[in-house]
Amino acid sequence: MPALPSEGRRLAYGIQLPVQSQSAIYAEPWEAAAGPDDLLAIARTADRAGFAYLASCDHVAIPRRLASAMSTVWYDPVATLAFLAAATERIRLLSHVAVVGLRHPLVTAKQYATLDHLSSGRLILGVGAGHVQEEFEALGVDFERRGSVLDESIDALRAALGPDEFPAHHGKLYDFEGLGQRPRPAQEHVPVWVGGSSPAAVRRAALKGDGWLPQGDPRDRLPAQIARIRRLRQEAGVQGPFAVGAIAEPLYVGEPGWEVGRRTVTGPPEALAESLRAYRAMGVQQIQVRFRCRSRTELTDQMEAFGAEVAPLL
């Protein structure tokens, strides 16, 4: 199993799975007809190629007003990651991100503790506040208070995913004790990475998380965000490992021979590695990579080339 990213280590790299979420912003045309066999092949390739994690998104339902942009294809993250856990051996399993405020913490804890147990301790719980108002309304959750709901949900999940068979939490929104849940997670401490780039999300990550998952921050904004996280943790006396993440620009190893978009970083392995090492210089420990591709085969070829030729240079 790959170690979690930390200071002083080589830059770790993970991947947000294709197919399982198909927003028009990033989905490739071939994904529309893809399915379980494609996910299995991609997950196995990532496992072999040294990727640190596979990531899966979380949306319960997409309203019509957003369907053309977001699509309605959003696989359930727990089911998806459990399916892929059985087909892989070492790679970690990341929810990026679970909108945990949509569910009672005991429900979330049951699902993710089971996933961690079945995968022999490979879970990373990525959490976020969410942004689709209709989802919250349909499930009876206050959309306007989603930040405070997430704050308490993290505290409740820390208890519910801890070592105690009968966890306890007493808060404003959730109150439980004397209720046993087994199986317990295989990990003594399930890492919680907090997603989001708003001031509130960055503060939440710094004070409540084991890592930060930025959402679309350009390179020039990252140093200030990372400095703020470090300052907040220092001022609050928060200690312990903390994984700073980033989402890299789209990549293509080699010369594509087709139009991959002006933002895509292309070229030989050293050129891609040089571009990505700039993230490490900012204080980033893990990058989420995405490859432009026209088919599953082209994607897995790119992943294998990245693992073999680019990753050793990071």
C-alpha atoms as a PDB file:
ATOM      1  CA  MET A   1       0.000   0.000   0.000  1.00  0.00           C
ATOM      2  CA  PRO A   2       1.426   3.440  -0.882  1.00  0.00           C
ATOM      3  CA  ALA A   3       2.318   5.685   2.018  1.00  0.00           C
ATOM      4  CA  LEU A   4       0.306   8.865   2.409  1.00  0.00           C
ATOM      5  CA  PRO A   5       2.017  11.933   0.942  1.00  0.00           C
ATOM      6  CA  SER A   6       4.226  13.786   3.401  1.00  0.00           C
ATOM      7  CA  GLU A   7       6.968  16.384   3.551  1.00  0.00           C
ATOM      8  CA  GLY A   8      10.290  15.261   2.110  1.00  0.00           C
ATOM      9  CA  ARG A   9       8.895  12.465  -0.032  1.00  0.00           C
ATOM     10  CA  ARG A  10       8.729  12.350  -3.795  1.00  0.00           C
ATOM     11  CA  LEU A  11       5.613  13.989  -5.185  1.00  0.00           C
ATOM     12  CA  ALA A  12       2.773  11.451  -5.044  1.00  0.00           C
ATOM     13  CA  TYR A  13       0.250  11.222  -7.864  1.00  0.00           C
ATOM     14  CA  GLY A  14      -3.354  10.045  -7.927  1.00  0.00           C
ATOM     15  CA  ILE A  15      -6.192  10.050 -10.412  1.00  0.00           C
ATOM     16  CA  GLN A  16      -9.846  11.011 -10.421  1.00  0.00           C
ATOM     17  CA  LEU A  17     -11.498   8.098 -12.185  1.00  0.00           C
ATOM     18  CA  PRO A  18     -13.116   8.739 -15.552  1.00  0.00           C
ATOM     19  CA  VAL A  19     -16.511   7.230 -16.403  1.00  0.00           C
ATOM     20  CA  GLN A  20     -17.846   7.483 -12.812  1.00  0.00           C
ATOM     21  CA  SER A  21     -18.491  11.215 -13.227  1.00  0.00           C
ATOM     22  CA  GLN A  22     -19.093  12.788 -16.602  1.00  0.00           C
ATOM     23  CA  SER A  23     -19.290  16.539 -16.253  1.00  0.00           C
ATOM     24  CA  ALA A  24     -19.031  18.307 -19.612  1.00  0.00           C
ATOM     25  CA  ILE A  25     -16.086  20.255 -18.166  1.00  0.00           C
ATOM     26  CA  TYR A  26     -13.730  17.283 -18.246  1.00  0.00           C
ATOM     27  CA  ALA A  27     -15.327  14.075 -19.592  1.00  0.00           C
ATOM     28  CA  GLU A  28     -13.909  12.657 -22.836  1.00  0.00           C
ATOM     29  CA  PRO A  29     -16.397  11.545 -25.540  1.00  0.00           C
ATOM     30  CA  TRP A  30     -15.520   7.851 -25.214  1.00  0.00           C
ATOM     31  CA  GLU A  31     -16.649   7.783 -21.572  1.00  0.00           C
ATOM     32  CA  ALA A  32     -20.341   8.046 -22.519  1.00  0.00           C
ATOM     33  CA  ALA A  33     -20.384   4.418 -23.688  1.00  0.00           C
ATOM     34  CA  ALA A  34     -17.963   3.113 -21.047  1.00  0.00           C
ATOM     35  CA  GLY A  35     -18.831   1.027 -18.009  1.00  0.00           C
ATOM     36  CA  PRO A  36     -17.591  -1.384 -15.327  1.00  0.00           C
ATOM     37  CA  ASP A  37     -15.023  -3.187 -17.478  1.00  0.00           C
ATOM     38  CA  ASP A  38     -13.391   0.108 -18.334  1.00  0.00           C
ATOM     39  CA  LEU A  39     -13.256   1.178 -14.691  1.00  0.00           C
ATOM     40  CA  LEU A  40     -11.682  -2.146 -13.757  1.00  0.00           C
ATOM     41  CA  ALA A  41      -9.003  -1.854 -16.436  1.00  0.00           C
ATOM     42  CA  ILE A  42      -8.166   1.716 -15.420  1.00  0.00           C
ATOM     43  CA  ALA A  43      -8.036   0.871 -11.713  1.00  0.00           C
ATOM     44  CA  ARG A  44      -5.752  -2.116 -12.306  1.00  0.00           C
ATOM     45  CA  THR A  45      -3.477   0.005 -14.470  1.00  0.00           C
ATOM     46  CA  ALA A  46      -3.279   2.677 -11.778  1.00  0.00           C
ATOM     47  CA  ASP A  47      -2.476   0.018  -9.189  1.00  0.00           C
ATOM     48  CA  ARG A  48       0.406  -1.318 -11.291  1.00  0.00           C
ATOM     49  CA  ALA A  49       1.698   2.105 -12.338  1.00  0.00           C
ATOM     50  CA  GLY A  50       2.319   3.416  -8.834  1.00  0.00           C
ATOM     51  CA  PHE A  51      -0.624   5.789  -8.493  1.00  0.00           C
ATOM     52  CA  ALA A  52      -1.267   6.726  -4.874  1.00  0.00           C
ATOM     53  CA  TYR A  53      -5.061   6.703  -5.099  1.00  0.00           C
ATOM     54  CA  LEU A  54      -8.196   6.303  -7.152  1.00  0.00           C
ATOM     55  CA  ALA A  55     -10.823   8.980  -6.552  1.00  0.00           C
ATOM     56  CA  SER A  56     -14.596   8.926  -6.999  1.00  0.00           C
ATOM     57  CA  CYS A  57     -17.070  11.842  -6.737  1.00  0.00           C
ATOM     58  CA  ASP A  58     -20.376  12.169  -4.888  1.00  0.00           C
ATOM     59  CA  HIS A  59     -23.703  13.532  -6.136  1.00  0.00           C
ATOM     60  CA  VAL A  60     -27.065  12.027  -5.238  1.00  0.00           C
ATOM     61  CA  ALA A  61     -29.126  13.632  -8.007  1.00  0.00           C
ATOM     62  CA  ILE A  62     -28.624  16.423 -10.542  1.00  0.00           C
ATOM     63  CA  PRO A  63     -31.406  18.951 -11.203  1.00  0.00           C
ATOM     64  CA  ARG A  64     -32.527  19.593 -14.768  1.00  0.00           C
ATOM     65  CA  ARG A  65     -31.083  23.106 -14.748  1.00  0.00           C
ATOM     66  CA  LEU A  66     -27.565  21.671 -14.309  1.00  0.00           C
ATOM     67  CA  ALA A  67     -27.889  18.405 -16.239  1.00  0.00           C
ATOM     68  CA  SER A  68     -26.537  19.698 -19.551  1.00  0.00           C
ATOM     69  CA  ALA A  69     -23.324  20.919 -17.913  1.00  0.00           C
ATOM     70  CA  MET A  70     -22.846  18.357 -15.148  1.00  0.00           C
ATOM     71  CA  SER A  71     -24.641  15.381 -16.771  1.00  0.00           C
ATOM     72  CA  THR A  72     -26.529  12.969 -14.539  1.00  0.00           C
ATOM     73  CA  VAL A  73     -23.774  10.312 -14.563  1.00  0.00           C
ATOM     74  CA  TRP A  74     -22.388  10.236 -11.046  1.00  0.00           C
ATOM     75  CA  TYR A  75     -21.628   6.789  -9.645  1.00  0.00           C
ATOM     76  CA  ASP A  76     -21.993   6.277  -5.909  1.00  0.00           C
ATOM     77  CA  PRO A  77     -18.476   6.587  -4.426  1.00  0.00           C
ATOM     78  CA  VAL A  78     -18.780   3.878  -1.780  1.00  0.00           C
ATOM     79  CA  ALA A  79     -20.139   1.298  -4.213  1.00  0.00           C
ATOM     80  CA  THR A  80     -17.600   2.272  -6.879  1.00  0.00           C
ATOM     81  CA  LEU A  81     -14.566   2.233  -4.609  1.00  0.00           C
ATOM     82  CA  ALA A  82     -15.636  -1.047  -2.986  1.00  0.00           C
ATOM     83  CA  PHE A  83     -16.040  -2.600  -6.437  1.00  0.00           C
ATOM     84  CA  LEU A  84     -12.536  -1.495  -7.398  1.00  0.00           C
ATOM     85  CA  ALA A  85     -11.014  -2.410  -4.037  1.00  0.00           C
ATOM     86  CA  ALA A  86     -11.673  -6.064  -4.794  1.00  0.00           C
ATOM     87  CA  ALA A  87      -9.803  -5.756  -8.103  1.00  0.00           C
ATOM     88  CA  THR A  88      -6.725  -3.936  -6.760  1.00  0.00           C
ATOM     89  CA  GLU A  89      -4.089  -4.616  -4.145  1.00  0.00           C
ATOM     90  CA  ARG A  90      -2.200  -1.535  -2.973  1.00  0.00           C
ATOM     91  CA  ILE A  91      -3.770   1.660  -4.264  1.00  0.00           C
ATOM     92  CA  ARG A  92      -5.679   3.883  -1.852  1.00  0.00           C
ATOM     93  CA  LEU A  93      -9.352   4.739  -2.285  1.00  0.00           C
ATOM     94  CA  LEU A  94     -10.347   8.411  -2.056  1.00  0.00           C
ATOM     95  CA  SER A  95     -13.780  10.010  -2.008  1.00  0.00           C
ATOM     96  CA  HIS A  96     -13.216  13.298  -3.818  1.00  0.00           C
ATOM     97  CA  VAL A  97     -15.334  14.522  -2.328  1.00  0.00           C
ATOM     98  CA  ALA A  98     -18.077  12.969  -0.246  1.00  0.00           C
ATOM     99  CA  VAL A  99     -20.795  15.496   0.581  1.00  0.00           C
ATOM    100  CA  VAL A 100     -21.097  14.076   4.068  1.00  0.00           C
ATOM    101  CA  GLY A 101     -23.603  16.697   5.220  1.00  0.00           C
ATOM    102  CA  LEU A 102     -26.275  15.011   3.093  1.00  0.00           C
ATOM    103  CA  ARG A 103     -26.298  11.976   5.380  1.00  0.00           C
ATOM    104  CA  HIS A 104     -26.291  11.285   9.091  1.00  0.00           C
ATOM    105  CA  PRO A 105     -22.701  10.679  10.267  1.00  0.00           C
ATOM    106  CA  LEU A 106     -23.557   7.202  11.550  1.00  0.00           C
ATOM    107  CA  VAL A 107     -24.757   6.231   8.065  1.00  0.00           C
ATOM    108  CA  THR A 108     -21.599   7.652   6.472  1.00  0.00           C
ATOM    109  CA  ALA A 109     -19.418   5.967   9.092  1.00  0.00           C
ATOM    110  CA  LYS A 110     -21.070   2.591   8.516  1.00  0.00           C
ATOM    111  CA  GLN A 111     -20.448   2.819   4.762  1.00  0.00           C
ATOM    112  CA  TYR A 112     -16.864   4.030   4.867  1.00  0.00           C
ATOM    113  CA  ALA A 113     -15.790   1.920   7.854  1.00  0.00           C
ATOM    114  CA  THR A 114     -16.964  -1.121   5.945  1.00  0.00           C
ATOM    115  CA  LEU A 115     -15.066   0.021   2.858  1.00  0.00           C
ATOM    116  CA  ASP A 116     -11.890   0.508   4.892  1.00  0.00           C
ATOM    117  CA  HIS A 117     -12.335  -2.876   6.557  1.00  0.00           C
ATOM    118  CA  LEU A 118     -12.902  -4.705   3.266  1.00  0.00           C
ATOM    119  CA  SER A 119      -9.965  -2.975   1.566  1.00  0.00           C
ATOM    120  CA  SER A 120      -7.513  -3.660   4.420  1.00  0.00           C
ATOM    121  CA  GLY A 121      -7.185  -0.012   5.370  1.00  0.00           C
ATOM    122  CA  ARG A 122      -6.927   1.813   2.045  1.00  0.00           C
ATOM    123  CA  LEU A 123      -9.573   4.516   2.563  1.00  0.00           C
ATOM    124  CA  ILE A 124      -8.934   8.261   2.420  1.00  0.00           C
ATOM    125  CA  LEU A 125     -12.131  10.105   3.276  1.00  0.00           C
ATOM    126  CA  GLY A 126     -12.315  13.279   1.229  1.00  0.00           C
ATOM    127  CA  VAL A 127     -15.143  15.555   2.333  1.00  0.00           C
ATOM    128  CA  GLY A 128     -16.697  18.770   1.066  1.00  0.00           C
ATOM    129  CA  ALA A 129     -19.625  21.096   1.632  1.00  0.00           C
ATOM    130  CA  GLY A 130     -21.423  20.516  -1.682  1.00  0.00           C
ATOM    131  CA  HIS A 131     -22.876  23.071  -4.082  1.00  0.00           C
ATOM    132  CA  VAL A 132     -26.127  21.731  -5.602  1.00  0.00           C
ATOM    133  CA  GLN A 133     -28.977  23.290  -3.662  1.00  0.00           C
ATOM    134  CA  GLU A 134     -31.684  20.952  -4.956  1.00  0.00           C
ATOM    135  CA  GLU A 135     -29.855  17.915  -3.573  1.00  0.00           C
ATOM    136  CA  PHE A 136     -29.947  19.384  -0.090  1.00  0.00           C
ATOM    137  CA  GLU A 137     -33.588  20.400  -0.364  1.00  0.00           C
ATOM    138  CA  ALA A 138     -34.667  16.954  -1.611  1.00  0.00           C
ATOM    139  CA  LEU A 139     -32.912  15.290   1.333  1.00  0.00           C
ATOM    140  CA  GLY A 140     -34.181  17.771   3.906  1.00  0.00           C
ATOM    141  CA  VAL A 141     -30.801  19.357   4.684  1.00  0.00           C
ATOM    142  CA  ASP A 142     -30.340  23.104   5.111  1.00  0.00           C
ATOM    143  CA  PHE A 143     -28.305  24.274   2.114  1.00  0.00           C
ATOM    144  CA  GLU A 144     -27.504  27.680   3.587  1.00  0.00           C
ATOM    145  CA  ARG A 145     -25.969  26.080   6.688  1.00  0.00           C
ATOM    146  CA  ARG A 146     -24.002  23.439   4.817  1.00  0.00           C
ATOM    147  CA  GLY A 147     -20.673  24.805   6.072  1.00  0.00           C
ATOM    148  CA  SER A 148     -21.569  24.451   9.734  1.00  0.00           C
ATOM    149  CA  VAL A 149     -23.172  21.067   8.986  1.00  0.00           C
ATOM    150  CA  LEU A 150     -19.902  19.900   7.454  1.00  0.00           C
ATOM    151  CA  ASP A 151     -17.888  21.193  10.396  1.00  0.00           C
ATOM    152  CA  GLU A 152     -19.885  19.137  12.864  1.00  0.00           C
ATOM    153  CA  SER A 153     -20.072  16.170  10.498  1.00  0.00           C
ATOM    154  CA  ILE A 154     -16.275  15.990  10.462  1.00  0.00           C
ATOM    155  CA  ASP A 155     -16.182  15.977  14.269  1.00  0.00           C
ATOM    156  CA  ALA A 156     -18.872  13.303  14.425  1.00  0.00           C
ATOM    157  CA  LEU A 157     -17.106  11.191  11.803  1.00  0.00           C
ATOM    158  CA  ARG A 158     -13.815  11.428  13.663  1.00  0.00           C
ATOM    159  CA  ALA A 159     -15.593   9.765  16.579  1.00  0.00           C
ATOM    160  CA  ALA A 160     -17.591   7.285  14.524  1.00  0.00           C
ATOM    161  CA  LEU A 161     -14.559   6.157  12.493  1.00  0.00           C
ATOM    162  CA  GLY A 162     -12.289   5.936  15.518  1.00  0.00           C
ATOM    163  CA  PRO A 163     -11.339   2.825  17.480  1.00  0.00           C
ATOM    164  CA  ASP A 164     -14.398   2.689  19.774  1.00  0.00           C
ATOM    165  CA  GLU A 165     -17.074   0.135  18.990  1.00  0.00           C
ATOM    166  CA  PHE A 166     -19.576   2.437  20.729  1.00  0.00           C
ATOM    167  CA  PRO A 167     -18.592   5.936  19.568  1.00  0.00           C
ATOM    168  CA  ALA A 168     -19.989   9.065  21.168  1.00  0.00           C
ATOM    169  CA  HIS A 169     -20.628  12.540  19.828  1.00  0.00           C
ATOM    170  CA  HIS A 170     -22.685  15.320  21.405  1.00  0.00           C
ATOM    171  CA  GLY A 171     -23.196  18.329  19.170  1.00  0.00           C
ATOM    172  CA  LYS A 172     -25.799  20.834  18.039  1.00  0.00           C
ATOM    173  CA  LEU A 173     -26.948  18.743  15.071  1.00  0.00           C
ATOM    174  CA  TYR A 174     -25.988  15.185  15.959  1.00  0.00           C
ATOM    175  CA  ASP A 175     -26.088  13.407  19.284  1.00  0.00           C
ATOM    176  CA  PHE A 176     -25.275   9.745  19.731  1.00  0.00           C
ATOM    177  CA  GLU A 177     -23.684   7.301  22.146  1.00  0.00           C
ATOM    178  CA  GLY A 178     -24.219   3.694  23.199  1.00  0.00           C
ATOM    179  CA  LEU A 179     -24.731   2.562  19.599  1.00  0.00           C
ATOM    180  CA  GLY A 180     -22.238  -0.046  18.431  1.00  0.00           C
ATOM    181  CA  GLN A 181     -20.886  -0.273  14.900  1.00  0.00           C
ATOM    182  CA  ARG A 182     -18.782  -3.099  13.585  1.00  0.00           C
ATOM    183  CA  PRO A 183     -16.756  -3.800  11.568  1.00  0.00           C
ATOM    184  CA  ARG A 184     -14.410  -1.053  12.648  1.00  0.00           C
ATOM    185  CA  PRO A 185     -12.053   0.536  10.099  1.00  0.00           C
ATOM    186  CA  ALA A 186      -8.846  -1.377   9.530  1.00  0.00           C
ATOM    187  CA  GLN A 187      -6.864   1.844  10.015  1.00  0.00           C
ATOM    188  CA  GLU A 188      -6.376   3.207  13.508  1.00  0.00           C
ATOM    189  CA  HIS A 189      -6.827   6.694  12.050  1.00  0.00           C
ATOM    190  CA  VAL A 190      -8.804   7.206   8.843  1.00  0.00           C
ATOM    191  CA  PRO A 191      -7.285  10.238   7.088  1.00  0.00           C
ATOM    192  CA  VAL A 192      -9.758  13.017   6.326  1.00  0.00           C
ATOM    193  CA  TRP A 193      -8.892  15.353   3.453  1.00  0.00           C
ATOM    194  CA  VAL A 194     -11.044  18.465   3.137  1.00  0.00           C
ATOM    195  CA  GLY A 195     -11.971  19.790  -0.296  1.00  0.00           C
ATOM    196  CA  GLY A 196     -12.665  23.327  -1.412  1.00  0.00           C
ATOM    197  CA  SER A 197     -10.867  26.587  -2.082  1.00  0.00           C
ATOM    198  CA  SER A 198     -13.076  29.226  -0.469  1.00  0.00           C
ATOM    199  CA  PRO A 199     -11.680  30.948   2.640  1.00  0.00           C
ATOM    200  CA  ALA A 200     -14.015  28.863   4.828  1.00  0.00           C
ATOM    201  CA  ALA A 201     -12.966  25.604   3.120  1.00  0.00           C
ATOM    202  CA  VAL A 202      -9.266  26.369   3.461  1.00  0.00           C
ATOM    203  CA  ARG A 203      -9.714  27.196   7.140  1.00  0.00           C
ATOM    204  CA  ARG A 204     -11.698  23.988   7.624  1.00  0.00           C
ATOM    205  CA  ALA A 205      -8.970  21.950   5.962  1.00  0.00           C
ATOM    206  CA  ALA A 206      -6.260  23.561   8.081  1.00  0.00           C
ATOM    207  CA  LEU A 207      -8.003  23.100  11.415  1.00  0.00           C
ATOM    208  CA  LYS A 208     -10.014  19.911  10.945  1.00  0.00           C
ATOM    209  CA  GLY A 209      -8.325  17.962   8.163  1.00  0.00           C
ATOM    210  CA  ASP A 210      -5.362  15.695   7.565  1.00  0.00           C
ATOM    211  CA  GLY A 211      -5.049  17.136   4.073  1.00  0.00           C
ATOM    212  CA  TRP A 212      -6.381  19.689   1.610  1.00  0.00           C
ATOM    213  CA  LEU A 213      -7.985  19.033  -1.778  1.00  0.00           C
ATOM    214  CA  PRO A 214      -8.154  22.346  -3.666  1.00  0.00           C
ATOM    215  CA  GLN A 215     -10.854  22.773  -6.269  1.00  0.00           C
ATOM    216  CA  GLY A 216      -9.471  24.394  -9.378  1.00  0.00           C
ATOM    217  CA  ASP A 217      -6.913  26.754  -7.860  1.00  0.00           C
ATOM    218  CA  PRO A 218      -4.533  27.996 -10.583  1.00  0.00           C
ATOM    219  CA  ARG A 219      -0.835  27.611  -9.905  1.00  0.00           C
ATOM    220  CA  ASP A 220      -0.302  31.249  -9.054  1.00  0.00           C
ATOM    221  CA  ARG A 221      -2.903  31.092  -6.282  1.00  0.00           C
ATOM    222  CA  LEU A 222      -1.598  27.979  -4.547  1.00  0.00           C
ATOM    223  CA  PRO A 223       1.394  29.448  -2.652  1.00  0.00           C
ATOM    224  CA  ALA A 224      -0.796  31.936  -0.783  1.00  0.00           C
ATOM    225  CA  GLN A 225      -3.366  29.249   0.028  1.00  0.00           C
ATOM    226  CA  ILE A 226      -0.680  26.891   1.320  1.00  0.00           C
ATOM    227  CA  ALA A 227       0.900  29.664   3.392  1.00  0.00           C
ATOM    228  CA  ARG A 228      -2.486  30.420   4.947  1.00  0.00           C
ATOM    229  CA  ILE A 229      -3.003  26.765   5.860  1.00  0.00           C
ATOM    230  CA  ARG A 230       0.390  26.620   7.547  1.00  0.00           C
ATOM    231  CA  ARG A 231      -0.259  29.857   9.412  1.00  0.00           C
ATOM    232  CA  LEU A 232      -3.688  28.734  10.629  1.00  0.00           C
ATOM    233  CA  ARG A 233      -2.336  25.404  11.849  1.00  0.00           C
ATOM    234  CA  GLN A 234       0.560  27.072  13.633  1.00  0.00           C
ATOM    235  CA  GLU A 235      -1.644  29.672  15.307  1.00  0.00           C
ATOM    236  CA  ALA A 236      -4.063  26.981  16.481  1.00  0.00           C
ATOM    237  CA  GLY A 237      -1.314  24.631  17.620  1.00  0.00           C
ATOM    238  CA  VAL A 238      -2.500  21.887  15.275  1.00  0.00           C
ATOM    239  CA  GLN A 239       0.176  19.259  14.757  1.00  0.00           C
ATOM    240  CA  GLY A 240       0.573  16.042  12.821  1.00  0.00           C
ATOM    241  CA  PRO A 241       1.015  15.086   9.175  1.00  0.00           C
ATOM    242  CA  PHE A 242      -0.876  17.156   6.631  1.00  0.00           C
ATOM    243  CA  ALA A 243      -1.079  16.389   2.894  1.00  0.00           C
ATOM    244  CA  VAL A 244      -1.330  19.388   0.583  1.00  0.00           C
ATOM    245  CA  GLY A 245      -2.858  18.510  -2.769  1.00  0.00           C
ATOM    246  CA  ALA A 246      -3.237  20.128  -6.186  1.00  0.00           C
ATOM    247  CA  ILE A 247      -5.029  19.309  -9.425  1.00  0.00           C
ATOM    248  CA  ALA A 248      -2.587  19.484 -12.314  1.00  0.00           C
ATOM    249  CA  GLU A 249      -3.338  20.701 -15.796  1.00  0.00           C
ATOM    250  CA  PRO A 250      -4.361  17.997 -18.304  1.00  0.00           C
ATOM    251  CA  LEU A 251      -1.365  15.935 -19.402  1.00  0.00           C
ATOM    252  CA  TYR A 252      -0.223  13.980 -22.440  1.00  0.00           C
ATOM    253  CA  VAL A 253       3.034  12.018 -22.359  1.00  0.00           C
ATOM    254  CA  GLY A 254       4.755  12.498 -25.729  1.00  0.00           C
ATOM    255  CA  GLU A 255       3.552  14.344 -28.807  1.00  0.00           C
ATOM    256  CA  PRO A 256      -0.199  13.751 -29.198  1.00  0.00           C
ATOM    257  CA  GLY A 257      -0.672  14.231 -32.942  1.00  0.00           C
ATOM    258  CA  TRP A 258      -4.209  15.494 -32.275  1.00  0.00           C
ATOM    259  CA  GLU A 259      -5.708  18.589 -30.716  1.00  0.00           C
ATOM    260  CA  VAL A 260      -5.501  18.180 -26.940  1.00  0.00           C
ATOM    261  CA  GLY A 261      -6.221  21.781 -25.944  1.00  0.00           C
ATOM    262  CA  ARG A 262      -3.909  24.680 -25.241  1.00  0.00           C
ATOM    263  CA  ARG A 263      -3.818  24.108 -21.468  1.00  0.00           C
ATOM    264  CA  THR A 264      -2.604  20.531 -21.810  1.00  0.00           C
ATOM    265  CA  VAL A 265       1.014  19.929 -20.819  1.00  0.00           C
ATOM    266  CA  THR A 266       2.622  17.717 -23.464  1.00  0.00           C
ATOM    267  CA  GLY A 267       6.076  16.529 -24.386  1.00  0.00           C
ATOM    268  CA  PRO A 268       8.758  14.074 -23.274  1.00  0.00           C
ATOM    269  CA  PRO A 269       8.837  12.737 -19.708  1.00  0.00           C
ATOM    270  CA  GLU A 270      11.381  15.289 -18.477  1.00  0.00           C
ATOM    271  CA  ALA A 271       9.245  18.190 -19.716  1.00  0.00           C
ATOM    272  CA  LEU A 272       6.174  16.912 -17.862  1.00  0.00           C
ATOM    273  CA  ALA A 273       8.214  16.173 -14.742  1.00  0.00           C
ATOM    274  CA  GLU A 274       9.749  19.648 -14.774  1.00  0.00           C
ATOM    275  CA  SER A 275       6.293  21.195 -14.988  1.00  0.00           C
ATOM    276  CA  LEU A 276       4.971  19.078 -12.119  1.00  0.00           C
ATOM    277  CA  ARG A 277       8.008  19.541  -9.885  1.00  0.00           C
ATOM    278  CA  ALA A 278       6.987  23.189  -9.635  1.00  0.00           C
ATOM    279  CA  TYR A 279       4.081  22.020  -7.492  1.00  0.00           C
ATOM    280  CA  ARG A 280       6.438  20.298  -5.085  1.00  0.00           C
ATOM    281  CA  ALA A 281       8.456  23.504  -4.820  1.00  0.00           C
ATOM    282  CA  MET A 282       5.289  25.288  -3.653  1.00  0.00           C
ATOM    283  CA  GLY A 283       4.786  22.776  -0.834  1.00  0.00           C
ATOM    284  CA  VAL A 284       2.416  20.351  -2.578  1.00  0.00           C
ATOM    285  CA  GLN A 285       2.762  16.670  -1.613  1.00  0.00           C
ATOM    286  CA  GLN A 286       0.261  15.042  -3.972  1.00  0.00           C
ATOM    287  CA  ILE A 287      -1.040  15.941  -7.397  1.00  0.00           C
ATOM    288  CA  GLN A 288      -4.166  14.683  -9.066  1.00  0.00           C
ATOM    289  CA  VAL A 289      -3.434  14.046 -12.736  1.00  0.00           C
ATOM    290  CA  ARG A 290      -5.704  13.737 -15.745  1.00  0.00           C
ATOM    291  CA  PHE A 291      -4.755  12.606 -19.235  1.00  0.00           C
ATOM    292  CA  ARG A 292      -6.296  13.673 -22.518  1.00  0.00           C
ATOM    293  CA  CYS A 293      -7.339  10.545 -24.364  1.00  0.00           C
ATOM    294  CA  ARG A 294      -9.637   9.260 -27.118  1.00  0.00           C
ATOM    295  CA  SER A 295     -10.201   5.768 -25.729  1.00  0.00           C
ATOM    296  CA  ARG A 296      -9.675   3.598 -22.685  1.00  0.00           C
ATOM    297  CA  THR A 297      -6.607   2.084 -24.337  1.00  0.00           C
ATOM    298  CA  GLU A 298      -5.037   5.476 -24.944  1.00  0.00           C
ATOM    299  CA  LEU A 299      -5.725   6.405 -21.329  1.00  0.00           C
ATOM    300  CA  THR A 300      -4.158   3.261 -19.868  1.00  0.00           C
ATOM    301  CA  ASP A 301      -1.170   3.647 -22.206  1.00  0.00           C
ATOM    302  CA  GLN A 302      -0.732   7.205 -20.945  1.00  0.00           C
ATOM    303  CA  MET A 303      -0.999   6.073 -17.328  1.00  0.00           C
ATOM    304  CA  GLU A 304       1.596   3.357 -17.846  1.00  0.00           C
ATOM    305  CA  ALA A 305       3.958   5.776 -19.588  1.00  0.00           C
ATOM    306  CA  PHE A 306       3.528   8.300 -16.791  1.00  0.00           C
ATOM    307  CA  GLY A 307       4.234   5.716 -14.099  1.00  0.00           C
ATOM    308  CA  ALA A 308       7.278   4.320 -15.852  1.00  0.00           C
ATOM    309  CA  GLU A 309       8.872   7.448 -17.344  1.00  0.00           C
ATOM    310  CA  VAL A 310       7.576  10.581 -15.580  1.00  0.00           C
ATOM    311  CA  ALA A 311       6.981   9.480 -11.974  1.00  0.00           C
ATOM    312  CA  PRO A 312      10.632   8.530 -11.282  1.00  0.00           C
ATOM    313  CA  LEU A 313      11.578  12.126 -12.119  1.00  0.00           C
ATOM    314  CA  LEU A 314       9.182  13.659  -9.577  1.00  0.00           C
END
